[in-house]
Protein backbone atom coordinates (compact mmCIF):
# COMPACT_ATOMS: atom_id res chain seq x y z
CA MET A 1 0.00 0.00 0.00
CA ASN A 2 2.58 2.63 1.00
CA ASP A 3 5.16 1.04 -1.28
CA ALA A 4 3.11 2.08 -4.31
CA ASP A 5 2.98 5.64 -3.00
CA ALA A 6 6.77 5.65 -2.54
CA THR A 7 7.26 4.37 -6.09
CA ASP A 8 5.01 7.09 -7.45
CA ARG A 9 7.03 9.76 -5.66
CA GLY A 10 10.36 8.29 -6.72
CA THR A 11 12.98 6.53 -4.68
CA THR A 12 16.41 7.59 -3.50
CA HIS A 13 19.41 5.24 -3.36
CA VAL A 14 22.93 6.04 -2.15
CA GLU A 15 26.40 4.59 -2.78
CA ARG A 16 29.42 5.87 -0.85
CA ILE A 17 33.02 5.42 -1.99
CA THR A 18 36.14 6.46 -0.14
CA ALA A 19 39.40 7.20 -1.93
CA GLN A 20 42.67 9.03 -1.40
CA GLY A 21 44.05 12.14 -2.96
CA HIS A 22 47.39 12.01 -4.77
CA GLU A 23 50.15 14.49 -5.57
CA ASN A 24 49.23 14.35 -9.29
CA VAL A 25 45.56 15.33 -8.82
CA THR A 26 45.00 18.46 -10.93
CA GLY A 27 41.26 18.32 -11.62
CA GLU A 28 41.69 20.02 -14.99
CA HIS A 29 39.53 17.85 -17.27
CA GLY A 30 36.57 19.75 -18.65
CA SER A 31 34.20 16.90 -19.51
CA THR A 32 34.79 14.03 -17.05
CA VAL A 33 35.50 13.33 -13.39
CA GLU A 34 36.93 9.98 -12.28
CA VAL A 35 37.80 8.00 -9.16
CA THR A 36 39.96 4.88 -9.57
CA THR A 37 40.97 1.84 -7.56
CA ASP A 38 44.52 2.22 -8.90
CA ASP A 39 47.07 3.26 -6.28
CA TRP A 40 48.94 5.54 -8.67
CA LEU A 41 48.19 8.50 -10.91
CA THR A 42 50.24 10.09 -13.67
CA PRO A 43 50.04 13.80 -14.50
CA ALA A 44 48.09 12.85 -17.65
CA GLY A 45 45.14 11.69 -15.51
CA ASP A 46 43.68 15.18 -15.18
CA CYS A 47 40.13 13.90 -14.67
CA ILE A 48 41.06 11.64 -11.74
CA VAL A 49 40.39 13.16 -8.31
CA GLY A 50 40.89 10.06 -6.14
CA VAL A 51 42.91 6.84 -6.11
CA GLU A 52 42.68 3.63 -4.06
CA ALA A 53 38.87 3.75 -4.19
CA ASP A 54 37.13 1.12 -2.07
CA GLY A 55 34.32 0.57 -4.57
CA THR A 56 33.52 0.49 -8.26
CA PRO A 57 30.33 0.41 -10.33
CA ALA A 58 30.47 -3.42 -10.35
CA ASP A 59 30.08 -3.34 -6.54
CA PHE A 60 26.97 -1.16 -6.48
CA ASP A 61 23.65 -2.40 -5.14
CA ASP A 62 21.23 -3.72 -7.77
CA ALA A 63 18.52 -1.26 -6.70
CA PHE A 64 20.93 1.67 -7.13
CA VAL A 65 21.93 0.42 -10.59
CA ALA A 66 18.32 -0.08 -11.68
CA ALA A 67 17.38 3.42 -10.51
CA CYS A 68 20.27 4.92 -12.51
CA GLN A 69 19.20 3.15 -15.69
CA SER A 70 16.42 5.66 -16.30
CA SER A 71 16.92 8.85 -18.28
CA GLU A 72 14.55 10.44 -15.74
CA ALA A 73 16.93 9.72 -12.83
CA THR A 74 18.90 12.56 -11.25
CA ILE A 75 22.30 11.48 -9.95
CA THR A 76 24.15 13.74 -7.55
CA ALA A 77 27.84 13.24 -6.82
CA GLU A 78 29.02 14.94 -3.63
CA PHE A 79 32.77 15.18 -3.18
CA ALA A 80 33.81 15.73 0.45
CA VAL A 81 37.35 16.24 1.75
CA GLU A 82 38.53 16.77 5.32
CA ALA A 83 41.06 19.59 5.17
CA GLY A 84 42.41 20.55 8.55
CA ASP A 85 39.52 21.65 10.72
CA GLU A 86 37.00 22.02 7.89
CA THR A 87 35.17 19.81 5.43
CA LEU A 88 35.31 20.97 1.83
CA THR A 89 32.44 19.82 -0.37
CA ASP A 90 31.32 20.29 -3.93
CA THR A 91 28.60 18.69 -6.02
CA ILE A 92 28.16 17.63 -9.62
CA THR A 93 24.71 16.62 -10.84
CA GLY A 94 24.02 14.42 -13.85
CA ARG A 95 21.36 12.04 -15.05
CA GLY A 96 20.89 8.36 -15.58
CA ASP A 97 20.70 6.50 -18.87
CA PRO A 98 19.25 3.13 -19.92
CA GLU A 99 22.66 2.21 -21.41
CA LEU A 100 24.52 2.43 -18.07
CA THR A 101 25.86 -1.07 -17.26
CA PHE A 102 27.79 -0.49 -14.00
CA GLU A 103 30.18 -3.30 -14.98
CA GLY A 104 33.40 -1.33 -14.46
CA ASP A 105 35.59 -2.94 -11.82
CA ARG A 106 38.50 -0.49 -11.81
CA SER A 107 37.10 3.04 -11.86
CA LEU A 108 33.98 5.16 -12.08
CA VAL A 109 33.41 8.15 -14.34
CA GLY A 110 30.89 10.98 -14.50
CA ARG A 111 30.51 12.72 -17.85
CA THR A 112 29.14 15.98 -19.21
CA SER A 113 28.49 14.18 -22.51
CA ASP A 114 26.10 11.33 -23.31
CA TYR A 115 28.95 8.83 -23.86
CA VAL A 116 28.51 5.58 -21.91
CA ASP A 117 30.97 2.78 -21.19
CA ASP A 118 31.23 0.22 -18.37
CA ARG A 119 32.78 2.81 -16.01
CA THR A 120 30.14 5.52 -16.54
CA VAL A 121 27.93 6.27 -13.52
CA PHE A 122 26.17 9.39 -14.84
CA VAL A 123 25.92 11.45 -18.03
CA GLY A 124 24.77 14.96 -18.95
CA ALA A 125 26.54 16.38 -15.89
CA ASP A 126 26.54 20.05 -14.98
CA GLY A 127 30.29 19.89 -14.34
CA ALA A 128 33.48 17.85 -14.42
CA ALA A 129 36.82 17.73 -12.60
CA ALA A 130 37.72 21.23 -13.80
CA ASP A 131 34.56 22.63 -12.20
CA LEU A 132 35.26 21.31 -8.70
CA ASP A 133 36.23 23.77 -5.98
CA ARG A 134 39.95 24.54 -6.24
CA GLU A 135 40.51 24.30 -2.48
CA LEU A 136 39.04 20.80 -2.58
CA ILE A 137 41.34 19.85 -5.51
CA ASP A 138 44.37 21.35 -3.71
CA ALA A 139 43.56 19.30 -0.59
CA LEU A 140 43.35 16.15 -2.74
CA ALA A 141 46.71 17.02 -4.34
CA ASP A 142 48.08 17.17 -0.78
CA GLY A 143 46.84 13.61 -0.22
CA ALA A 144 43.59 14.25 1.68
CA ALA A 145 40.97 11.51 1.90
CA LEU A 146 37.91 11.79 -0.37
CA THR A 147 34.40 10.61 0.31
CA LEU A 148 32.27 10.43 -2.82
CA THR A 149 28.56 10.06 -2.17
CA LEU A 150 26.43 9.16 -5.17
CA THR A 151 22.71 9.71 -4.69
CA VAL A 152 20.15 8.75 -7.31
CA ASP A 153 16.62 10.06 -7.27
CA SER A 154 14.62 7.93 -9.67
CA GLY A 155 12.06 10.68 -10.13
CA GLY A 156 8.69 9.09 -10.44
CA ASN A 157 5.40 10.20 -11.84
């Protein structure tokens, strides 16, 4: 009875990933943002904002994945970094897509474009690595820990 009402209003699902900053984090890429399980980063990886991630799309809950596979879904990525005595946060918002597979087992990527591969967790984003707060990026370049919280709102009619 109430479940039908909740479905009509839309449902929210959350995935949380922790990662580490790295000295080569620059956050300069204009169309993607990425977090990887790799423990290294070259200067060429200008979209990568965290390494040693403890989760990938392949690990995500089935209900989260299903909710993201709708073009009506809104997916919010909150990047949070503890820097000294303050928490720096910034948010990028994108949308879901029926083509999202969540099969990537090495990294996850948010995109401003509509391109989808097995690492893609949202498309049509309102920003990328280059749009993240510079203080947050600087803290990551100094090795700060990152908490990435992905929240999907499946919308609902």
